[in-house]
């Protein structure tokens, strides 16, 4: 098993835990991760497709059920997830700079 295969295998095995998010209140129209609105425990602050402290975003619902579809993405936490839904369920925005295209 090479490093790339091991990384993808680990991404598939990610467990999803729904934890409350602690954030400060701000105007949702101009919110950035540093000034994120208070999201509910069932939401996460989504800045996709940009990962930056100054990227605008908004609270989005965390999915509670995801398909096993394997379309790997890189989260703003620099971890690989098996698909966008799994990243969102973990409360992580997807970094739009990375893609895994089959050749």
PDB file of N, CA and C in Angstrom:
ATOM      1  N   UNK A   1       0.861  -1.168   0.000  1.00  0.00           N
ATOM      2  CA  UNK A   1       0.000   0.000   0.000  1.00  0.00           C
ATOM      3  C   UNK A   1       0.906   1.231   0.000  1.00  0.00           C
ATOM      4  N   UNK A   2       0.731   2.109  -0.991  1.00  0.00           N
ATOM      5  CA  UNK A   2       1.564   3.304  -1.037  1.00  0.00           C
ATOM      6  C   UNK A   2       0.944   4.415  -0.177  1.00  0.00           C
ATOM      7  N   UNK A   3       1.651   5.528  -0.054  1.00  0.00           N
ATOM      8  CA  UNK A   3       1.209   6.623   0.817  1.00  0.00           C
ATOM      9  C   UNK A   3      -0.122   7.195   0.365  1.00  0.00           C
ATOM     10  N   UNK A   4      -0.325   7.361  -0.943  1.00  0.00           N
ATOM     11  CA  UNK A   4      -1.571   7.916  -1.456  1.00  0.00           C
ATOM     12  C   UNK A   4      -2.750   6.996  -1.138  1.00  0.00           C
ATOM     13  N   UNK A   5      -2.575   5.704  -1.340  1.00  0.00           N
ATOM     14  CA  UNK A   5      -3.630   4.743  -1.028  1.00  0.00           C
ATOM     15  C   UNK A   5      -3.928   4.743   0.466  1.00  0.00           C
ATOM     16  N   UNK A   6      -2.896   4.820   1.285  1.00  0.00           N
ATOM     17  CA  UNK A   6      -3.082   4.838   2.736  1.00  0.00           C
ATOM     18  C   UNK A   6      -3.837   6.093   3.169  1.00  0.00           C
ATOM     19  N   UNK A   7      -3.538   7.237   2.547  1.00  0.00           N
ATOM     20  CA  UNK A   7      -4.229   8.489   2.884  1.00  0.00           C
ATOM     21  C   UNK A   7      -5.709   8.379   2.547  1.00  0.00           C
ATOM     22  N   UNK A   8      -6.035   7.849   1.369  1.00  0.00           N
ATOM     23  CA  UNK A   8      -7.430   7.707   0.978  1.00  0.00           C
ATOM     24  C   UNK A   8      -8.156   6.700   1.859  1.00  0.00           C
ATOM     25  N   UNK A   9      -7.481   5.616   2.216  1.00  0.00           N
ATOM     26  CA  UNK A   9      -8.095   4.617   3.090  1.00  0.00           C
ATOM     27  C   UNK A   9      -8.423   5.231   4.448  1.00  0.00           C
ATOM     28  N   UNK A  10      -7.507   6.073   4.947  1.00  0.00           N
ATOM     29  CA  UNK A  10      -7.738   6.739   6.227  1.00  0.00           C
ATOM     30  C   UNK A  10      -8.910   7.716   6.106  1.00  0.00           C
ATOM     31  N   UNK A  11      -9.035   8.397   4.959  1.00  0.00           N
ATOM     32  CA  UNK A  11     -10.118   9.354   4.763  1.00  0.00           C
ATOM     33  C   UNK A  11     -11.477   8.655   4.793  1.00  0.00           C
ATOM     34  N   UNK A  12     -11.540   7.458   4.260  1.00  0.00           N
ATOM     35  CA  UNK A  12     -12.796   6.713   4.247  1.00  0.00           C
ATOM     36  C   UNK A  12     -13.193   6.313   5.659  1.00  0.00           C
ATOM     37  N   UNK A  13     -12.225   6.068   6.508  1.00  0.00           N
ATOM     38  CA  UNK A  13     -12.494   5.570   7.853  1.00  0.00           C
ATOM     39  C   UNK A  13     -12.767   6.684   8.865  1.00  0.00           C
ATOM     40  N   UNK A  14     -12.893   7.928   8.405  1.00  0.00           N
ATOM     41  CA  UNK A  14     -13.107   9.044   9.329  1.00  0.00           C
ATOM     42  C   UNK A  14     -14.443   8.883  10.045  1.00  0.00           C
ATOM     43  N   UNK A  15     -14.418   9.010  11.354  1.00  0.00           N
ATOM     44  CA  UNK A  15     -15.649   8.995  12.133  1.00  0.00           C
ATOM     45  C   UNK A  15     -16.149  10.419  12.255  1.00  0.00           C
ATOM     46  N   UNK A  16     -17.437  10.589  12.218  1.00  0.00           N
ATOM     47  CA  UNK A  16     -18.012  11.922  12.306  1.00  0.00           C
ATOM     48  C   UNK A  16     -18.605  12.126  13.692  1.00  0.00           C
ATOM     49  N   UNK A  17     -18.133  13.154  14.371  1.00  0.00           N
ATOM     50  CA  UNK A  17     -18.668  13.519  15.673  1.00  0.00           C
ATOM     51  C   UNK A  17     -19.291  14.900  15.561  1.00  0.00           C
ATOM     52  N   UNK A  18     -20.485  15.060  16.043  1.00  0.00           N
ATOM     53  CA  UNK A  18     -21.133  16.359  16.025  1.00  0.00           C
ATOM     54  C   UNK A  18     -20.880  17.035  17.361  1.00  0.00           C
ATOM     55  N   UNK A  19     -20.050  18.067  17.350  1.00  0.00           N
ATOM     56  CA  UNK A  19     -19.688  18.792  18.549  1.00  0.00           C
ATOM     57  C   UNK A  19     -20.174  20.231  18.448  1.00  0.00           C
ATOM     58  N   UNK A  20     -20.518  20.861  19.576  1.00  0.00           N
ATOM     59  CA  UNK A  20     -20.947  22.246  19.510  1.00  0.00           C
ATOM     60  C   UNK A  20     -19.799  23.145  19.051  1.00  0.00           C
ATOM     61  N   UNK A  21     -20.159  24.178  18.299  1.00  0.00           N
ATOM     62  CA  UNK A  21     -19.174  25.131  17.809  1.00  0.00           C
ATOM     63  C   UNK A  21     -19.222  26.364  18.696  1.00  0.00           C
ATOM     64  N   UNK A  22     -18.057  26.804  19.140  1.00  0.00           N
ATOM     65  CA  UNK A  22     -17.975  28.018  19.931  1.00  0.00           C
ATOM     66  C   UNK A  22     -17.416  29.104  19.036  1.00  0.00           C
ATOM     67  N   UNK A  23     -18.157  30.162  18.858  1.00  0.00           N
ATOM     68  CA  UNK A  23     -17.711  31.265  18.010  1.00  0.00           C
ATOM     69  C   UNK A  23     -18.254  32.564  18.571  1.00  0.00           C
ATOM     70  N   UNK A  24     -17.776  33.685  18.012  1.00  0.00           N
ATOM     71  CA  UNK A  24     -18.270  34.978  18.449  1.00  0.00           C
ATOM     72  C   UNK A  24     -19.349  35.464  17.500  1.00  0.00           C
ATOM     73  N   UNK A  25     -20.212  36.355  17.956  1.00  0.00           N
ATOM     74  CA  UNK A  25     -21.280  36.874  17.113  1.00  0.00           C
ATOM     75  C   UNK A  25     -20.746  37.957  16.180  1.00  0.00           C
ATOM     76  N   UNK A  26     -21.295  38.002  14.965  1.00  0.00           N
ATOM     77  CA  UNK A  26     -20.928  39.021  13.991  1.00  0.00           C
ATOM     78  C   UNK A  26     -22.033  39.135  12.959  1.00  0.00           C
ATOM     79  N   UNK A  27     -21.955  40.143  12.122  1.00  0.00           N
ATOM     80  CA  UNK A  27     -22.917  40.334  11.040  1.00  0.00           C
ATOM     81  C   UNK A  27     -22.705  39.234  10.014  1.00  0.00           C
ATOM     82  N   UNK A  28     -23.691  38.351   9.770  1.00  0.00           N
ATOM     83  CA  UNK A  28     -23.489  37.234   8.850  1.00  0.00           C
ATOM     84  C   UNK A  28     -23.210  37.667   7.419  1.00  0.00           C
ATOM     85  N   UNK A  29     -23.565  38.895   7.042  1.00  0.00           N
ATOM     86  CA  UNK A  29     -23.321  39.359   5.680  1.00  0.00           C
ATOM     87  C   UNK A  29     -21.827  39.622   5.438  1.00  0.00           C
ATOM     88  N   UNK A  30     -21.090  39.954   6.482  1.00  0.00           N
ATOM     89  CA  UNK A  30     -19.668  40.265   6.341  1.00  0.00           C
ATOM     90  C   UNK A  30     -18.814  39.341   7.194  1.00  0.00           C
ATOM     91  N   UNK A  31     -19.341  38.214   7.591  1.00  0.00           N
ATOM     92  CA  UNK A  31     -18.643  37.309   8.506  1.00  0.00           C
ATOM     93  C   UNK A  31     -17.435  36.661   7.845  1.00  0.00           C
ATOM     94  N   UNK A  32     -16.379  36.515   8.628  1.00  0.00           N
ATOM     95  CA  UNK A  32     -15.188  35.766   8.239  1.00  0.00           C
ATOM     96  C   UNK A  32     -14.909  34.794   9.377  1.00  0.00           C
ATOM     97  N   UNK A  33     -14.049  33.783   9.170  1.00  0.00           N
ATOM     98  CA  UNK A  33     -13.782  32.844  10.257  1.00  0.00           C
ATOM     99  C   UNK A  33     -13.353  33.525  11.559  1.00  0.00           C
ATOM    100  N   UNK A  34     -12.616  34.637  11.449  1.00  0.00           N
ATOM    101  CA  UNK A  34     -12.194  35.342  12.659  1.00  0.00           C
ATOM    102  C   UNK A  34     -13.356  36.049  13.346  1.00  0.00           C
ATOM    103  N   UNK A  35     -14.393  36.391  12.567  1.00  0.00           N
ATOM    104  CA  UNK A  35     -15.572  37.071  13.101  1.00  0.00           C
ATOM    105  C   UNK A  35     -16.811  36.266  12.744  1.00  0.00           C
ATOM    106  N   UNK A  36     -16.755  34.978  12.959  1.00  0.00           N
ATOM    107  CA  UNK A  36     -17.835  34.080  12.560  1.00  0.00           C
ATOM    108  C   UNK A  36     -19.090  34.305  13.397  1.00  0.00           C
ATOM    109  N   UNK A  37     -20.257  34.181  12.756  1.00  0.00           N
ATOM    110  CA  UNK A  37     -21.484  34.225  13.545  1.00  0.00           C
ATOM    111  C   UNK A  37     -21.555  32.971  14.414  1.00  0.00           C
ATOM    112  N   UNK A  38     -22.366  33.015  15.443  1.00  0.00           N
ATOM    113  CA  UNK A  38     -22.521  31.844  16.291  1.00  0.00           C
ATOM    114  C   UNK A  38     -23.383  30.828  15.553  1.00  0.00           C
ATOM    115  N   UNK A  39     -22.766  29.721  15.179  1.00  0.00           N
ATOM    116  CA  UNK A  39     -23.497  28.661  14.488  1.00  0.00           C
ATOM    117  C   UNK A  39     -24.089  27.717  15.523  1.00  0.00           C
ATOM    118  N   UNK A  40     -25.218  27.121  15.165  1.00  0.00           N
ATOM    119  CA  UNK A  40     -25.842  26.120  16.038  1.00  0.00           C
ATOM    120  C   UNK A  40     -24.958  24.875  16.077  1.00  0.00           C
ATOM    121  N   UNK A  41     -25.176  24.019  17.047  1.00  0.00           N
ATOM    122  CA  UNK A  41     -24.397  22.783  17.174  1.00  0.00           C
ATOM    123  C   UNK A  41     -24.579  21.883  15.951  1.00  0.00           C
ATOM    124  N   UNK A  42     -25.676  22.054  15.236  1.00  0.00           N
ATOM    125  CA  UNK A  42     -25.952  21.244  14.044  1.00  0.00           C
ATOM    126  C   UNK A  42     -25.468  21.929  12.765  1.00  0.00           C
ATOM    127  N   UNK A  43     -24.697  23.032  12.903  1.00  0.00           N
ATOM    128  CA  UNK A  43     -24.191  23.777  11.755  1.00  0.00           C
ATOM    129  C   UNK A  43     -22.669  23.922  11.840  1.00  0.00           C
ATOM    130  N   UNK A  44     -22.072  24.357  10.746  1.00  0.00           N
ATOM    131  CA  UNK A  44     -20.645  24.692  10.723  1.00  0.00           C
ATOM    132  C   UNK A  44     -20.466  25.947   9.885  1.00  0.00           C
ATOM    133  N   UNK A  45     -19.355  26.661  10.097  1.00  0.00           N
ATOM    134  CA  UNK A  45     -19.085  27.887   9.353  1.00  0.00           C
ATOM    135  C   UNK A  45     -18.379  27.522   8.058  1.00  0.00           C
ATOM    136  N   UNK A  46     -19.095  27.637   6.932  1.00  0.00           N
ATOM    137  CA  UNK A  46     -18.592  27.218   5.630  1.00  0.00           C
ATOM    138  C   UNK A  46     -18.000  28.397   4.871  1.00  0.00           C
ATOM    139  N   UNK A  47     -16.716  28.292   4.524  1.00  0.00           N
ATOM    140  CA  UNK A  47     -16.039  29.320   3.734  1.00  0.00           C
ATOM    141  C   UNK A  47     -15.694  28.825   2.335  1.00  0.00           C
ATOM    142  N   UNK A  48     -16.141  27.615   1.968  1.00  0.00           N
ATOM    143  CA  UNK A  48     -15.787  27.029   0.672  1.00  0.00           C
ATOM    144  C   UNK A  48     -16.166  27.972  -0.464  1.00  0.00           C
ATOM    145  N   UNK A  49     -15.364  28.052  -1.494  1.00  0.00           N
ATOM    146  CA  UNK A  49     -14.206  27.227  -1.809  1.00  0.00           C
ATOM    147  C   UNK A  49     -12.871  27.819  -1.347  1.00  0.00           C
ATOM    148  N   UNK A  50     -12.902  28.789  -0.444  1.00  0.00           N
ATOM    149  CA  UNK A  50     -11.674  29.460  -0.026  1.00  0.00           C
ATOM    150  C   UNK A  50     -11.353  29.112   1.429  1.00  0.00           C
ATOM    151  N   UNK A  51     -10.089  28.856   1.700  1.00  0.00           N
ATOM    152  CA  UNK A  51      -9.614  28.619   3.062  1.00  0.00           C
ATOM    153  C   UNK A  51      -8.693  29.763   3.440  1.00  0.00           C
ATOM    154  N   UNK A  52      -9.218  30.716   4.160  1.00  0.00           N
ATOM    155  CA  UNK A  52      -8.438  31.885   4.545  1.00  0.00           C
ATOM    156  C   UNK A  52      -9.098  32.505   5.763  1.00  0.00           C
ATOM    157  N   UNK A  53      -8.312  33.079   6.671  1.00  0.00           N
ATOM    158  CA  UNK A  53      -8.913  33.747   7.835  1.00  0.00           C
ATOM    159  C   UNK A  53      -9.821  34.899   7.441  1.00  0.00           C
ATOM    160  N   UNK A  54      -9.640  35.445   6.236  1.00  0.00           N
ATOM    161  CA  UNK A  54     -10.457  36.573   5.783  1.00  0.00           C
ATOM    162  C   UNK A  54     -11.552  36.168   4.811  1.00  0.00           C
ATOM    163  N   UNK A  55     -11.712  34.872   4.554  1.00  0.00           N
ATOM    164  CA  UNK A  55     -12.720  34.403   3.593  1.00  0.00           C
ATOM    165  C   UNK A  55     -14.121  34.572   4.165  1.00  0.00           C
ATOM    166  N   UNK A  56     -15.043  35.120   3.364  1.00  0.00           N
ATOM    167  CA  UNK A  56     -16.426  35.220   3.840  1.00  0.00           C
ATOM    168  C   UNK A  56     -17.071  33.837   3.866  1.00  0.00           C
ATOM    169  N   UNK A  57     -18.070  33.677   4.686  1.00  0.00           N
ATOM    170  CA  UNK A  57     -18.766  32.400   4.771  1.00  0.00           C
ATOM    171  C   UNK A  57     -20.072  32.550   5.513  1.00  0.00           C
ATOM    172  N   UNK A  58     -20.716  31.431   5.767  1.00  0.00           N
ATOM    173  CA  UNK A  58     -21.983  31.445   6.498  1.00  0.00           C
ATOM    174  C   UNK A  58     -22.200  30.112   7.180  1.00  0.00           C
ATOM    175  N   UNK A  59     -23.097  30.107   8.145  1.00  0.00           N
ATOM    176  CA  UNK A  59     -23.449  28.867   8.835  1.00  0.00           C
ATOM    177  C   UNK A  59     -24.260  27.988   7.895  1.00  0.00           C
ATOM    178  N   UNK A  60     -23.861  26.749   7.789  1.00  0.00           N
ATOM    179  CA  UNK A  60     -24.549  25.771   6.947  1.00  0.00           C
ATOM    180  C   UNK A  60     -24.876  24.563   7.814  1.00  0.00           C
ATOM    181  N   UNK A  61     -25.974  23.858   7.524  1.00  0.00           N
ATOM    182  CA  UNK A  61     -26.285  22.659   8.312  1.00  0.00           C
ATOM    183  C   UNK A  61     -25.269  21.544   8.065  1.00  0.00           C
ATOM    184  N   UNK A  62     -24.906  20.841   9.146  1.00  0.00           N
ATOM    185  CA  UNK A  62     -24.031  19.666   9.003  1.00  0.00           C
ATOM    186  C   UNK A  62     -24.896  18.500   8.540  1.00  0.00           C
ATOM    187  N   UNK A  63     -24.483  17.808   7.484  1.00  0.00           N
ATOM    188  CA  UNK A  63     -25.246  16.630   7.070  1.00  0.00           C
ATOM    189  C   UNK A  63     -25.205  15.563   8.163  1.00  0.00           C
ATOM    190  N   UNK A  64     -26.289  14.835   8.307  1.00  0.00           N
ATOM    191  CA  UNK A  64     -26.326  13.750   9.280  1.00  0.00           C
ATOM    192  C   UNK A  64     -26.173  12.393   8.605  1.00  0.00           C
ATOM    193  N   UNK A  65     -26.370  12.357   7.284  1.00  0.00           N
ATOM    194  CA  UNK A  65     -26.206  11.127   6.513  1.00  0.00           C
ATOM    195  C   UNK A  65     -25.459  11.477   5.231  1.00  0.00           C
ATOM    196  N   UNK A  66     -24.408  10.716   4.914  1.00  0.00           N
ATOM    197  CA  UNK A  66     -23.648  10.911   3.680  1.00  0.00           C
ATOM    198  C   UNK A  66     -23.581   9.603   2.906  1.00  0.00           C
ATOM    199  N   UNK A  67     -23.458   9.717   1.593  1.00  0.00           N
ATOM    200  CA  UNK A  67     -23.286   8.522   0.764  1.00  0.00           C
ATOM    201  C   UNK A  67     -21.850   8.028   0.901  1.00  0.00           C
ATOM    202  N   UNK A  68     -21.610   6.826   0.443  1.00  0.00           N
ATOM    203  CA  UNK A  68     -20.259   6.274   0.464  1.00  0.00           C
ATOM    204  C   UNK A  68     -19.519   6.593  -0.835  1.00  0.00           C
ATOM    205  N   UNK A  69     -20.071   7.526  -1.605  1.00  0.00           N
ATOM    206  CA  UNK A  69     -19.442   7.951  -2.850  1.00  0.00           C
ATOM    207  C   UNK A  69     -18.001   8.390  -2.575  1.00  0.00           C
ATOM    208  N   UNK A  70     -17.068   7.921  -3.381  1.00  0.00           N
ATOM    209  CA  UNK A  70     -15.660   8.239  -3.167  1.00  0.00           C
ATOM    210  C   UNK A  70     -15.203   9.283  -4.188  1.00  0.00           C
ATOM    211  N   UNK A  71     -15.266  10.541  -3.779  1.00  0.00           N
ATOM    212  CA  UNK A  71     -14.793  11.670  -4.569  1.00  0.00           C
ATOM    213  C   UNK A  71     -13.972  12.516  -3.595  1.00  0.00           C
ATOM    214  N   UNK A  72     -12.706  12.150  -3.375  1.00  0.00           N
ATOM    215  CA  UNK A  72     -11.915  12.774  -2.310  1.00  0.00           C
ATOM    216  C   UNK A  72     -11.755  14.286  -2.460  1.00  0.00           C
ATOM    217  N   UNK A  73     -11.779  14.969  -1.317  1.00  0.00           N
ATOM    218  CA  UNK A  73     -11.587  16.413  -1.247  1.00  0.00           C
ATOM    219  C   UNK A  73     -10.633  16.715  -0.095  1.00  0.00           C
ATOM    220  N   UNK A  74     -10.027  17.885  -0.150  1.00  0.00           N
ATOM    221  CA  UNK A  74      -9.152  18.340   0.928  1.00  0.00           C
ATOM    222  C   UNK A  74      -9.907  19.402   1.712  1.00  0.00           C
ATOM    223  N   UNK A  75      -9.965  19.224   3.017  1.00  0.00           N
ATOM    224  CA  UNK A  75     -10.638  20.187   3.877  1.00  0.00           C
ATOM    225  C   UNK A  75      -9.717  21.337   4.239  1.00  0.00           C
ATOM    226  N   UNK A  76     -10.298  22.409   4.751  1.00  0.00           N
ATOM    227  CA  UNK A  76      -9.507  23.558   5.184  1.00  0.00           C
ATOM    228  C   UNK A  76      -8.616  23.211   6.374  1.00  0.00           C
ATOM    229  N   UNK A  77      -8.814  22.047   6.960  1.00  0.00           N
ATOM    230  CA  UNK A  77      -7.941  21.573   8.039  1.00  0.00           C
ATOM    231  C   UNK A  77      -6.779  20.738   7.494  1.00  0.00           C
ATOM    232  N   UNK A  78      -6.624  20.737   6.151  1.00  0.00           N
ATOM    233  CA  UNK A  78      -5.566  20.017   5.440  1.00  0.00           C
ATOM    234  C   UNK A  78      -5.698  18.500   5.523  1.00  0.00           C
ATOM    235  N   UNK A  79      -6.867  18.001   5.876  1.00  0.00           N
ATOM    236  CA  UNK A  79      -7.111  16.553   5.904  1.00  0.00           C
ATOM    237  C   UNK A  79      -7.908  16.167   4.663  1.00  0.00           C
ATOM    238  N   UNK A  80      -7.755  14.920   4.233  1.00  0.00           N
ATOM    239  CA  UNK A  80      -8.485  14.413   3.075  1.00  0.00           C
ATOM    240  C   UNK A  80      -9.754  13.718   3.551  1.00  0.00           C
ATOM    241  N   UNK A  81     -10.879  14.038   2.899  1.00  0.00           N
ATOM    242  CA  UNK A  81     -12.174  13.431   3.213  1.00  0.00           C
ATOM    243  C   UNK A  81     -12.669  12.689   1.975  1.00  0.00           C
ATOM    244  N   UNK A  82     -13.452  11.653   2.165  1.00  0.00           N
ATOM    245  CA  UNK A  82     -13.892  10.832   1.041  1.00  0.00           C
ATOM    246  C   UNK A  82     -14.830  11.569   0.090  1.00  0.00           C
ATOM    247  N   UNK A  83     -15.550  12.594   0.572  1.00  0.00           N
ATOM    248  CA  UNK A  83     -16.373  13.433  -0.295  1.00  0.00           C
ATOM    249  C   UNK A  83     -16.761  14.715   0.459  1.00  0.00           C
ATOM    250  N   UNK A  84     -17.406  15.652  -0.233  1.00  0.00           N
ATOM    251  CA  UNK A  84     -17.770  16.946   0.363  1.00  0.00           C
ATOM    252  C   UNK A  84     -18.716  16.775   1.545  1.00  0.00           C
ATOM    253  N   UNK A  85     -19.621  15.821   1.449  1.00  0.00           N
ATOM    254  CA  UNK A  85     -20.591  15.598   2.517  1.00  0.00           C
ATOM    255  C   UNK A  85     -19.897  15.170   3.810  1.00  0.00           C
ATOM    256  N   UNK A  86     -18.922  14.282   3.710  1.00  0.00           N
ATOM    257  CA  UNK A  86     -18.207  13.801   4.895  1.00  0.00           C
ATOM    258  C   UNK A  86     -17.429  14.954   5.536  1.00  0.00           C
ATOM    259  N   UNK A  87     -16.838  15.820   4.714  1.00  0.00           N
ATOM    260  CA  UNK A  87     -16.134  16.994   5.244  1.00  0.00           C
ATOM    261  C   UNK A  87     -17.113  17.918   5.965  1.00  0.00           C
ATOM    262  N   UNK A  88     -18.249  18.191   5.352  1.00  0.00           N
ATOM    263  CA  UNK A  88     -19.253  19.067   5.966  1.00  0.00           C
ATOM    264  C   UNK A  88     -19.788  18.474   7.266  1.00  0.00           C
ATOM    265  N   UNK A  89     -19.996  17.158   7.293  1.00  0.00           N
ATOM    266  CA  UNK A  89     -20.482  16.501   8.510  1.00  0.00           C
ATOM    267  C   UNK A  89     -19.475  16.617   9.644  1.00  0.00           C
ATOM    268  N   UNK A  90     -18.185  16.716   9.284  1.00  0.00           N
ATOM    269  CA  UNK A  90     -17.134  16.902  10.284  1.00  0.00           C
ATOM    270  C   UNK A  90     -16.984  18.384  10.655  1.00  0.00           C
ATOM    271  N   UNK A  91     -17.760  19.246   9.992  1.00  0.00           N
ATOM    272  CA  UNK A  91     -17.699  20.678  10.290  1.00  0.00           C
ATOM    273  C   UNK A  91     -16.538  21.388   9.623  1.00  0.00           C
ATOM    274  N   UNK A  92     -16.106  20.869   8.468  1.00  0.00           N
ATOM    275  CA  UNK A  92     -14.934  21.412   7.775  1.00  0.00           C
ATOM    276  C   UNK A  92     -15.323  21.890   6.376  1.00  0.00           C
ATOM    277  N   UNK A  93     -14.895  23.105   6.030  1.00  0.00           N
ATOM    278  CA  UNK A  93     -15.080  23.612   4.669  1.00  0.00           C
ATOM    279  C   UNK A  93     -14.110  22.902   3.731  1.00  0.00           C
ATOM    280  N   UNK A  94     -14.463  22.838   2.448  1.00  0.00           N
ATOM    281  CA  UNK A  94     -13.620  22.195   1.445  1.00  0.00           C
ATOM    282  C   UNK A  94     -12.731  23.251   0.797  1.00  0.00           C
ATOM    283  N   UNK A  95     -11.447  22.915   0.674  1.00  0.00           N
ATOM    284  CA  UNK A  95     -10.471  23.804   0.037  1.00  0.00           C
ATOM    285  C   UNK A  95     -10.585  23.645  -1.466  1.00  0.00           C
ATOM    286  N   UNK A  96     -11.082  24.665  -2.154  1.00  0.00           N
ATOM    287  CA  UNK A  96     -11.314  24.593  -3.594  1.00  0.00           C
ATOM    288  C   UNK A  96     -10.061  24.597  -4.445  1.00  0.00           C
ATOM    289  N   UNK A  97      -8.886  24.780  -3.843  1.00  0.00           N
ATOM    290  CA  UNK A  97      -7.645  24.789  -4.621  1.00  0.00           C
ATOM    291  C   UNK A  97      -7.189  23.393  -4.999  1.00  0.00           C
ATOM    292  N   UNK A  98      -7.719  22.363  -4.361  1.00  0.00           N
ATOM    293  CA  UNK A  98      -7.251  20.998  -4.579  1.00  0.00           C
ATOM    294  C   UNK A  98      -8.336  20.165  -5.227  1.00  0.00           C
ATOM    295  N   UNK A  99      -7.939  19.311  -6.137  1.00  0.00           N
ATOM    296  CA  UNK A  99      -8.887  18.347  -6.721  1.00  0.00           C
ATOM    297  C   UNK A  99      -8.137  17.076  -7.045  1.00  0.00           C
ATOM    298  N   UNK A 100      -8.849  15.979  -7.065  1.00  0.00           N
ATOM    299  CA  UNK A 100      -8.295  14.681  -7.398  1.00  0.00           C
ATOM    300  C   UNK A 100      -8.953  14.232  -8.690  1.00  0.00           C
ATOM    301  N   UNK A 101      -8.322  14.511  -9.786  1.00  0.00           N
ATOM    302  CA  UNK A 101      -8.871  14.132 -11.090  1.00  0.00           C
ATOM    303  C   UNK A 101      -8.216  12.858 -11.581  1.00  0.00           C
ATOM    304  N   UNK A 102      -9.031  11.887 -11.979  1.00  0.00           N
ATOM    305  CA  UNK A 102      -8.501  10.636 -12.524  1.00  0.00           C
ATOM    306  C   UNK A 102      -7.918  10.900 -13.903  1.00  0.00           C
ATOM    307  N   UNK A 103      -6.763  10.305 -14.171  1.00  0.00           N
ATOM    308  CA  UNK A 103      -6.125  10.502 -15.483  1.00  0.00           C
ATOM    309  C   UNK A 103      -6.141   9.219 -16.259  1.00  0.00           C
TER     310      UNK A 103
END
